[in-house]
Protein backbone atom coordinates (compact mmCIF):
# COMPACT_ATOMS: atom_id res chain seq x y z
CA MET A 1 -13.02 -12.87 -17.37
CA ARG A 2 -16.52 -14.72 -16.57
CA LEU A 3 -16.79 -17.40 -19.17
CA THR A 4 -19.62 -19.37 -20.52
CA LYS A 5 -21.37 -22.21 -18.76
CA THR A 6 -20.12 -25.75 -19.54
CA LEU A 7 -21.99 -28.28 -21.59
CA THR A 8 -24.10 -30.66 -19.31
CA ALA A 9 -22.13 -33.59 -18.41
CA SER A 10 -24.21 -36.06 -20.31
CA ALA A 11 -23.89 -33.75 -23.55
CA LEU A 12 -20.00 -33.53 -23.37
CA ALA A 13 -19.73 -37.30 -22.45
CA LEU A 14 -21.91 -37.85 -25.75
CA CYS A 15 -19.35 -35.70 -27.68
CA VAL A 16 -16.11 -37.54 -26.19
CA THR A 17 -17.53 -40.88 -26.70
CA ALA A 18 -18.55 -39.89 -30.29
CA THR A 19 -15.45 -38.43 -31.26
CA GLY A 20 -12.38 -40.08 -29.80
CA VAL A 21 -8.93 -39.10 -29.77
CA GLN A 22 -7.85 -37.83 -33.14
CA ALA A 23 -4.24 -38.67 -34.18
CA GLU A 24 -1.60 -36.11 -33.32
CA THR A 25 -3.67 -34.14 -30.58
CA GLU A 26 -1.57 -31.41 -29.32
CA LEU A 27 -2.18 -30.47 -25.60
CA GLU A 28 -0.58 -27.05 -24.37
CA LEU A 29 0.41 -27.55 -20.72
CA ALA A 30 1.28 -24.79 -18.22
CA ARG A 31 3.43 -25.65 -15.02
CA PHE A 32 5.82 -24.30 -12.70
CA PHE A 33 8.24 -26.42 -10.44
CA GLY A 34 11.48 -25.01 -12.48
CA SER A 35 13.02 -26.37 -15.40
CA CYS A 36 14.80 -29.71 -16.11
CA ASP A 37 16.89 -29.29 -19.56
CA ASP A 38 17.96 -33.09 -19.52
CA ALA A 39 14.41 -34.65 -19.00
CA GLY A 40 14.22 -37.96 -20.36
CA THR A 41 11.54 -40.41 -20.02
CA ASP A 42 12.63 -42.53 -17.51
CA VAL A 43 10.80 -41.69 -14.51
CA SER A 44 12.64 -43.66 -12.40
CA ALA A 45 16.00 -41.86 -12.86
CA ALA A 46 14.39 -38.44 -12.42
CA VAL A 47 15.34 -36.37 -9.15
CA GLY A 48 13.58 -33.54 -7.84
CA GLU A 49 10.18 -31.65 -8.88
CA ALA A 50 11.21 -30.32 -12.08
CA CYS A 51 12.67 -33.41 -13.44
CA ILE A 52 10.15 -35.79 -12.09
CA ILE A 53 7.11 -33.83 -13.55
CA GLN A 54 8.94 -33.26 -16.81
CA THR A 55 9.84 -36.87 -17.26
CA ILE A 56 6.30 -38.09 -16.45
CA ILE A 57 5.14 -35.35 -19.03
CA ASN A 58 7.78 -36.84 -21.52
CA ALA A 59 6.77 -40.36 -20.87
CA TYR A 60 3.09 -39.74 -21.93
CA SER A 61 4.07 -37.97 -25.16
CA ALA A 62 6.29 -40.80 -26.01
CA GLU A 63 3.33 -43.43 -25.48
CA ASP A 64 1.62 -44.36 -28.61
CA ASN A 65 -1.70 -42.84 -27.69
CA GLY A 66 -1.88 -39.90 -30.53
CA VAL A 67 -1.37 -37.01 -28.07
CA THR A 68 1.62 -34.68 -27.72
CA ILE A 69 2.28 -32.48 -24.88
CA GLU A 70 3.97 -28.94 -25.45
CA THR A 71 5.21 -27.49 -21.99
CA LEU A 72 4.78 -23.74 -21.67
CA PRO A 73 7.61 -21.86 -20.12
CA THR A 74 6.27 -20.32 -17.04
CA ASP A 75 8.36 -19.19 -14.00
CA TRP A 76 7.03 -20.08 -10.52
CA GLY A 77 7.30 -16.36 -9.13
CA ASN A 78 5.29 -15.16 -11.87
CA TYR A 79 2.86 -18.25 -12.65
CA TYR A 80 -0.38 -17.10 -11.67
CA ASP A 81 0.04 -13.49 -13.37
CA GLN A 82 0.70 -15.19 -16.51
CA LEU A 83 -1.88 -17.63 -16.25
CA LYS A 84 -4.70 -14.92 -15.58
CA ALA A 85 -3.25 -13.11 -18.47
CA MET A 86 -3.43 -16.27 -20.95
CA TYR A 87 -7.26 -16.71 -19.52
CA ALA A 88 -8.03 -13.14 -20.21
CA GLY A 89 -6.56 -13.42 -23.84
CA ASN A 90 -8.60 -16.37 -24.77
CA SER A 91 -5.25 -18.21 -24.76
CA ALA A 92 -5.41 -20.64 -21.90
CA PRO A 93 -3.45 -23.58 -21.58
CA ASP A 94 -5.41 -26.97 -22.50
CA VAL A 95 -4.04 -28.18 -19.23
CA HIS A 96 -2.24 -26.51 -16.07
CA VAL A 97 -1.21 -27.11 -12.60
CA ILE A 98 -2.89 -25.08 -10.19
CA HIS A 99 -2.67 -24.97 -6.00
CA LYS A 100 -5.58 -25.73 -4.07
CA SER A 101 -5.58 -22.27 -2.46
CA SER A 102 -6.13 -20.66 -6.16
CA ILE A 103 -8.84 -22.92 -7.23
CA ALA A 104 -11.44 -20.88 -5.60
CA GLU A 105 -10.26 -17.69 -7.52
CA PHE A 106 -10.30 -19.37 -10.93
CA ALA A 107 -13.49 -21.07 -10.24
CA SER A 108 -15.48 -18.04 -8.87
CA LEU A 109 -14.45 -16.48 -12.37
CA GLY A 110 -15.98 -19.30 -14.41
CA ALA A 111 -12.61 -20.13 -16.03
CA LEU A 112 -11.88 -23.90 -14.69
CA MET A 113 -13.93 -26.81 -16.28
CA PRO A 114 -16.09 -28.84 -13.66
CA LEU A 115 -15.08 -32.31 -13.87
CA GLN A 116 -17.77 -34.84 -13.92
CA GLU A 117 -17.11 -38.09 -12.23
CA ASP A 118 -18.58 -40.32 -14.68
CA ASP A 119 -15.90 -38.86 -17.38
CA LEU A 120 -13.07 -39.38 -14.74
CA ARG A 121 -14.06 -42.93 -14.22
CA ALA A 122 -14.31 -43.47 -18.24
CA ALA A 123 -10.70 -42.06 -18.33
CA GLY A 124 -9.45 -44.60 -15.78
CA ILE A 125 -9.48 -42.25 -12.75
CA ASN A 126 -11.06 -43.66 -9.48
CA PRO A 127 -11.92 -40.54 -7.32
CA ASP A 128 -12.85 -43.02 -4.57
CA ASP A 129 -9.22 -43.75 -4.10
CA TRP A 130 -8.42 -40.04 -3.17
CA VAL A 131 -8.12 -39.37 0.58
CA ASP A 132 -10.64 -36.99 1.72
CA ARG A 133 -8.48 -34.18 2.24
CA ALA A 134 -7.56 -34.43 -1.61
CA ARG A 135 -10.98 -34.82 -2.47
CA ASP A 136 -11.87 -31.64 -0.53
CA ALA A 137 -9.03 -29.92 -2.14
CA VAL A 138 -10.39 -29.86 -5.53
CA THR A 139 -13.87 -29.39 -4.41
CA TYR A 140 -15.37 -25.54 -4.65
CA ASP A 141 -18.92 -24.62 -3.75
CA GLY A 142 -19.66 -28.29 -4.26
CA GLN A 143 -18.11 -29.02 -7.62
CA MET A 144 -14.96 -30.53 -8.62
CA TYR A 145 -12.80 -28.54 -10.51
CA ALA A 146 -9.29 -30.40 -11.03
CA ILE A 147 -7.47 -33.57 -10.00
CA PRO A 148 -5.44 -33.71 -7.01
CA MET A 149 -1.56 -34.64 -7.09
CA ASP A 150 -0.26 -34.26 -3.67
CA ILE A 151 -0.43 -32.64 -0.34
CA HIS A 152 2.61 -30.83 0.49
CA ALA A 153 3.68 -28.81 3.41
CA ASN A 154 6.51 -27.29 5.37
CA LEU A 155 8.91 -29.48 7.23
CA TRP A 156 11.85 -29.01 9.28
CA HIS A 157 14.93 -30.08 6.94
CA ILE A 158 18.12 -30.82 9.28
CA ASN A 159 21.84 -31.28 8.95
CA LEU A 160 22.67 -33.80 11.91
CA ASP A 161 25.68 -33.27 12.22
CA ILE A 162 25.55 -29.72 13.14
CA MET A 163 22.70 -30.85 15.60
CA ALA A 164 25.10 -33.49 16.93
CA GLU A 165 28.03 -31.01 17.51
CA ALA A 166 25.60 -29.03 19.58
CA GLY A 167 24.35 -31.87 21.57
CA LEU A 168 20.80 -31.98 20.04
CA VAL A 169 20.78 -35.50 18.93
CA ASN A 170 19.42 -38.39 21.15
CA ASP A 171 20.46 -41.69 21.65
CA ALA A 172 18.33 -43.15 18.90
CA GLY A 173 20.27 -40.48 16.14
CA GLU A 174 17.19 -38.36 16.08
CA PRO A 175 17.32 -34.58 16.42
CA ILE A 176 15.83 -33.20 19.61
CA LEU A 177 13.37 -30.34 18.64
CA PRO A 178 12.06 -27.60 20.63
CA SER A 179 8.48 -27.77 22.30
CA SER A 180 8.02 -23.87 23.13
CA PRO A 181 9.15 -20.67 21.73
CA GLU A 182 11.73 -20.57 24.76
CA GLU A 183 13.19 -23.69 24.24
CA LEU A 184 13.46 -22.73 20.58
CA MET A 185 15.66 -19.79 21.42
CA ALA A 186 17.63 -21.97 23.81
CA HIS A 187 18.19 -24.45 20.95
CA ALA A 188 19.22 -21.77 18.73
CA LYS A 189 21.81 -20.49 21.46
CA GLN A 190 23.20 -23.83 21.78
CA VAL A 191 23.85 -24.33 18.13
CA LYS A 192 25.28 -20.77 18.01
CA ASP A 193 27.69 -21.51 20.86
CA ALA A 194 28.89 -24.95 20.02
CA THR A 195 29.15 -24.47 16.36
CA GLY A 196 28.90 -21.00 15.19
CA LYS A 197 26.33 -21.83 12.74
CA ASP A 198 22.84 -20.23 12.38
CA TYR A 199 20.16 -22.23 13.77
CA LEU A 200 17.84 -22.14 11.16
CA THR A 201 17.56 -20.55 7.54
CA ALA A 202 14.63 -19.86 5.54
CA ASP A 203 13.44 -17.67 2.75
CA PHE A 204 12.36 -14.60 4.69
CA ALA A 205 13.00 -12.01 1.77
CA GLN A 206 11.41 -13.30 -1.15
CA PHE A 207 8.54 -15.88 -1.20
CA PRO A 208 5.88 -16.38 1.66
CA ILE A 209 7.99 -18.78 3.53
CA GLY A 210 7.70 -16.63 6.51
CA VAL A 211 3.83 -16.19 6.18
CA ARG A 212 3.56 -19.83 6.26
CA MET A 213 5.62 -20.14 9.20
CA VAL A 214 3.53 -17.60 11.29
CA LEU A 215 0.41 -19.17 9.71
CA ALA A 216 1.58 -22.44 11.29
CA MET A 217 2.23 -20.81 14.78
CA LEU A 218 -1.41 -19.18 14.57
CA TRP A 219 -2.99 -22.58 14.10
CA GLN A 220 -1.03 -23.78 16.85
CA GLN A 221 -2.73 -21.36 18.91
CA ASP A 222 -6.01 -21.93 17.62
CA SER A 223 -6.10 -18.87 15.69
CA ASN A 224 -6.13 -17.76 11.86
CA VAL A 225 -5.57 -14.72 9.77
CA PHE A 226 -9.21 -14.49 8.85
CA SER A 227 -12.54 -16.16 9.41
CA GLY A 228 -15.46 -15.88 6.92
CA ASP A 229 -15.42 -12.13 5.82
CA GLU A 230 -13.62 -10.86 8.84
CA ALA A 231 -9.69 -10.60 9.03
CA THR A 232 -8.11 -11.57 12.55
CA VAL A 233 -4.79 -10.54 12.06
CA ASN A 234 -3.48 -7.95 14.89
CA THR A 235 -3.99 -10.38 17.54
CA PRO A 236 -2.07 -11.54 20.66
CA GLU A 237 -1.74 -15.02 18.91
CA ALA A 238 -0.12 -13.18 16.03
CA GLN A 239 2.06 -10.90 17.98
CA ARG A 240 3.58 -13.94 19.67
CA ALA A 241 3.95 -16.05 16.44
CA VAL A 242 6.13 -13.03 14.93
CA GLU A 243 7.88 -12.05 17.89
CA THR A 244 8.97 -15.75 18.05
CA ILE A 245 10.66 -15.49 14.67
CA VAL A 246 12.11 -12.05 15.11
CA GLY A 247 13.77 -13.14 18.44
CA LEU A 248 15.84 -15.48 16.30
CA PHE A 249 16.92 -12.55 13.87
CA ASP A 250 17.55 -10.04 16.84
CA ALA A 251 19.91 -12.86 18.76
CA GLY A 252 21.72 -13.64 15.36
CA TYR A 253 20.52 -17.15 15.21
CA ALA A 254 18.81 -16.83 11.55
CA ASP A 255 19.44 -13.98 8.63
CA PRO A 256 16.24 -12.49 7.79
CA ASN A 257 17.82 -11.32 4.38
CA LEU A 258 18.08 -14.25 2.53
CA ASN A 259 16.00 -15.22 -0.50
CA TYR A 260 14.86 -18.57 -1.38
CA ASN A 261 18.02 -19.88 -3.25
CA ASP A 262 20.24 -18.16 -0.92
CA SER A 263 18.61 -19.98 2.16
CA GLN A 264 18.95 -23.18 0.18
CA GLN A 265 22.60 -22.74 -0.31
CA ALA A 266 23.13 -21.66 3.17
CA PHE A 267 21.65 -25.02 4.32
CA LEU A 268 23.49 -27.25 1.50
CA GLU A 269 26.67 -25.46 2.43
CA GLY A 270 26.50 -26.27 5.86
CA ASP A 271 25.81 -22.83 7.58
CA ALA A 272 22.86 -23.70 9.31
CA ALA A 273 21.47 -26.59 11.16
CA ILE A 274 17.63 -26.55 10.19
CA GLN A 275 16.20 -25.20 6.76
CA ILE A 276 12.48 -24.56 7.03
CA ASN A 277 11.12 -25.30 3.59
CA GLY A 278 8.58 -27.89 1.99
CA THR A 279 8.04 -31.59 1.25
CA TRP A 280 9.56 -30.66 -2.10
CA MET A 281 13.16 -30.82 -1.13
CA VAL A 282 13.17 -34.01 0.58
CA ASP A 283 14.54 -35.90 -2.75
CA ILE A 284 16.93 -33.24 -3.51
CA TYR A 285 18.33 -32.78 -0.14
CA ASP A 286 18.54 -36.98 0.16
CA SER A 287 20.31 -37.06 -3.16
CA GLU A 288 22.98 -34.43 -1.77
CA THR A 289 24.04 -37.01 1.00
CA ARG A 290 25.63 -39.15 -1.81
CA ASN A 291 27.65 -36.18 -2.86
CA ASN A 292 30.93 -36.31 -1.44
CA ASP A 293 31.55 -32.86 -1.99
CA SER A 294 28.25 -31.83 0.01
CA ALA A 295 28.34 -30.53 3.36
CA LEU A 296 24.96 -32.06 3.81
CA ALA A 297 26.35 -35.45 4.87
CA SER A 298 23.74 -36.46 7.35
CA TYR A 299 20.48 -35.53 6.72
CA TYR A 300 16.92 -36.05 8.84
CA VAL A 301 13.56 -34.44 7.95
CA ALA A 302 11.05 -33.63 10.68
CA ASP A 303 7.44 -32.77 11.17
CA TYR A 304 7.02 -29.13 11.94
CA PRO A 305 7.44 -28.83 15.59
CA GLN A 306 4.60 -27.93 18.12
CA LEU A 307 5.59 -24.69 19.74
CA PHE A 308 2.47 -23.79 21.32
CA ASP A 309 -0.82 -25.63 22.18
CA GLU A 310 -1.72 -27.75 19.43
CA ALA A 311 0.66 -29.25 16.34
CA ALA A 312 0.06 -27.66 13.15
CA THR A 313 1.76 -26.95 9.92
CA TRP A 314 1.06 -25.22 6.76
CA ALA A 315 0.07 -27.18 3.55
CA ASP A 316 -1.46 -26.62 0.19
CA SER A 317 -2.24 -29.21 -2.61
CA HIS A 318 -0.97 -29.17 -6.41
CA THR A 319 -3.88 -29.92 -8.53
CA TRP A 320 -4.24 -30.36 -12.27
CA ALA A 321 -7.32 -28.32 -13.91
CA LEU A 322 -8.73 -27.78 -17.19
CA PRO A 323 -10.09 -24.35 -18.87
CA VAL A 324 -13.78 -24.42 -19.58
CA THR A 325 -13.05 -23.48 -23.02
CA LEU A 326 -12.34 -27.21 -23.54
CA GLN A 327 -16.31 -27.98 -23.84
CA SER A 328 -16.12 -26.81 -27.49
CA GLU A 329 -12.99 -29.24 -28.29
CA PRO A 330 -14.16 -32.65 -27.47
CA GLU A 331 -10.58 -34.04 -28.90
CA LYS A 332 -8.85 -32.25 -26.57
CA TYR A 333 -11.02 -32.62 -23.62
CA GLU A 334 -10.69 -36.65 -24.15
CA ALA A 335 -6.78 -36.27 -24.60
CA ALA A 336 -6.52 -33.92 -21.43
CA LEU A 337 -8.62 -36.63 -19.38
CA GLY A 338 -6.13 -39.24 -20.69
CA PHE A 339 -3.33 -37.25 -19.37
CA LEU A 340 -4.89 -36.70 -16.10
CA ALA A 341 -5.32 -40.36 -15.80
CA TRP A 342 -1.58 -40.72 -16.62
CA LEU A 343 -0.90 -38.48 -13.71
CA ASN A 344 -3.10 -40.02 -11.52
CA ASP A 345 -1.29 -43.17 -12.26
CA HIS A 346 2.08 -42.00 -11.48
CA ASN A 347 1.28 -40.58 -8.02
CA VAL A 348 3.82 -42.76 -6.31
CA ASP A 349 6.43 -41.36 -8.78
CA TRP A 350 5.43 -37.75 -7.97
CA ALA A 351 5.63 -38.66 -4.29
CA ARG A 352 9.32 -39.50 -4.64
CA THR A 353 9.72 -35.66 -4.48
CA GLY A 354 8.80 -35.69 -0.81
CA HIS A 355 5.25 -34.89 -1.47
CA LEU A 356 2.43 -36.88 0.27
CA ALA A 357 0.52 -38.97 -1.92
CA VAL A 358 -3.29 -38.51 -2.40
CA ARG A 359 -4.55 -42.04 -3.46
CA GLN A 360 -5.04 -44.48 -0.61
CA SER A 361 -3.91 -47.61 -2.60
CA VAL A 362 -0.76 -45.68 -3.03
CA LEU A 363 -0.30 -44.79 0.64
CA ASP A 364 -0.87 -48.30 1.39
CA SER A 365 1.63 -49.54 -0.99
CA ALA A 366 5.17 -50.82 0.22
CA GLU A 367 6.70 -48.74 -2.76
CA TYR A 368 5.59 -45.68 -1.06
CA GLN A 369 6.32 -46.54 2.48
CA ASN A 370 9.70 -47.61 1.51
CA LEU A 371 10.65 -43.89 0.21
CA ALA A 372 13.46 -42.12 1.67
CA HIS A 373 12.84 -40.45 4.90
CA ARG A 374 9.02 -41.09 4.96
CA ASP A 375 8.78 -42.42 8.56
CA GLU A 376 10.58 -39.36 9.79
CA TYR A 377 7.51 -37.15 8.98
CA SER A 378 4.83 -39.56 8.91
CA ASN A 379 2.68 -37.34 11.28
CA THR A 380 2.78 -34.39 8.96
CA VAL A 381 -0.39 -35.40 7.13
CA ASN A 382 -2.12 -35.38 10.54
CA ILE A 383 -1.17 -31.77 11.54
CA ALA A 384 -1.34 -30.31 7.96
CA ARG A 385 -3.56 -27.29 7.91
CA ASP A 386 -4.63 -24.41 5.45
CA ASN A 387 -6.96 -21.57 5.20
CA PRO A 388 -10.63 -21.84 4.22
CA PRO A 389 -11.21 -21.06 0.49
CA ALA A 390 -11.07 -17.47 -0.57
CA ALA A 391 -11.28 -15.89 -3.79
CA ARG A 392 -8.87 -13.33 -2.98
CA TYR A 393 -6.57 -15.75 -0.95
CA SER A 394 -3.44 -14.91 -3.20
CA ALA A 395 -4.06 -11.11 -2.77
CA ILE A 396 -4.07 -12.13 1.07
CA GLN A 397 -0.87 -13.83 1.07
CA ASP A 398 0.63 -11.00 -0.75
CA VAL A 399 -0.43 -8.41 1.86
CA LEU A 400 0.69 -10.50 4.57
CA ASN A 401 4.20 -11.24 3.01
CA ARG A 402 4.69 -7.65 2.44
CA GLU A 403 3.97 -6.75 6.03
CA LEU A 404 5.80 -9.37 7.89
CA GLN A 405 8.78 -8.48 5.60
CA SER A 406 8.61 -4.81 6.35
CA ILE A 407 8.83 -6.02 10.12
CA TRP A 408 12.12 -8.13 9.78
CA LEU A 409 13.67 -6.33 6.79
CA GLN A 410 12.52 -2.65 7.63
CA GLY A 411 11.81 -2.36 11.32
CA LYS A 412 8.29 -1.60 11.18
CA GLY A 413 6.55 -2.29 14.45
CA ILE A 414 4.89 -5.55 14.71
CA GLU A 415 1.62 -4.16 16.03
CA GLU A 416 1.44 -1.35 13.37
CA ALA A 417 2.20 -3.84 10.59
CA LEU A 418 -0.30 -6.25 11.87
CA ALA A 419 -2.76 -3.88 11.97
CA ASP A 420 -2.08 -2.60 8.36
CA ALA A 421 -2.41 -6.14 7.26
CA GLU A 422 -5.72 -6.69 9.13
CA ARG A 423 -6.93 -3.42 7.52
CA GLU A 424 -6.10 -4.50 3.93
CA ILE A 425 -7.14 -8.04 3.99
CA ASN A 426 -10.77 -6.61 5.39
CA ARG A 427 -10.71 -4.58 2.40
CA LEU A 428 -10.11 -7.86 0.24
CA LEU A 429 -12.68 -9.96 2.09
């Protein structure tokens, strides 16, 4: 689905300047993050990713700016398949969210509009305010293809009451976390013996949370699943990472059969001391502590612990991109830039989800620094890691997810599964 080249920056800028935003310009927007049926326009009242983003969108449509936004129904699990189908059918949305890890795939196909800094600045977006990691996230092959919205990463979400019952809370009221695979197993046994609860829960049976855990432990050993055009999956480092997870399952300290929703429920119902999940759950779990019926009364958020030689955790970024076809629709292009500026202006509101802000001015603000639990995982931004850009990354992740699940759900040998994954990833690369 290679598309035509974009207009030059100067020609496109002339079209935008001369035309202006027409009244009642309608933008189609594609996003994931889940549904929020009661989203209004008061951003300060929204909780969780779905309601915060939809409220930001609704608030923009409610402004007297001549632009309305239609949010297209898209499911997180099938989002990229739907987005690819829309591009292939020449019906791409006018604005859509895209992960940093997927920009290389779409940009390499010529699907995304390269964004010019002059146009962004004219719309009220200052790229100089983005932190370097965020600027890098939206850049592929030397060209900017999106605006960054966050840096999100895996964290350890902790039920302090369970940890305290197991004697794993220090005098300052902070959880005591493991610093090696051996200590991880010892702590897990301590929780199980003292409380009968699982040590940790995560989605090991559906989405690639398990992949992200393995990646973190690979990076902690200065390893990776691929380098350039060569896969490096079947390695001693990968075997140690997988063995660490499988050891929890074999000892009965974690359940490999839980999907994403079930793993959340296990944590919320007090069946596990720790849930491994992303920054996007901080706001939701924090709100649960004010629910008298919730088993999560005392909640703490921690950086992913260092189990090997160096600290690291999986991370990605949510960004917003435009289709290259907007080059022939200057009114929509200008309207889309106005909306992107609105999103950029609401970076601190989006950060209330738990995500890390991408604007230095927001990071320096008291409003951001006073967000709930922010100081508990402040080092995450320093240990956040990801894979290098790869046009086939989504397929590579699918291979890893399938092979890892074959280990803990079907009993496939670790070395056999890693070898099969390495062979298939080499083919993709």
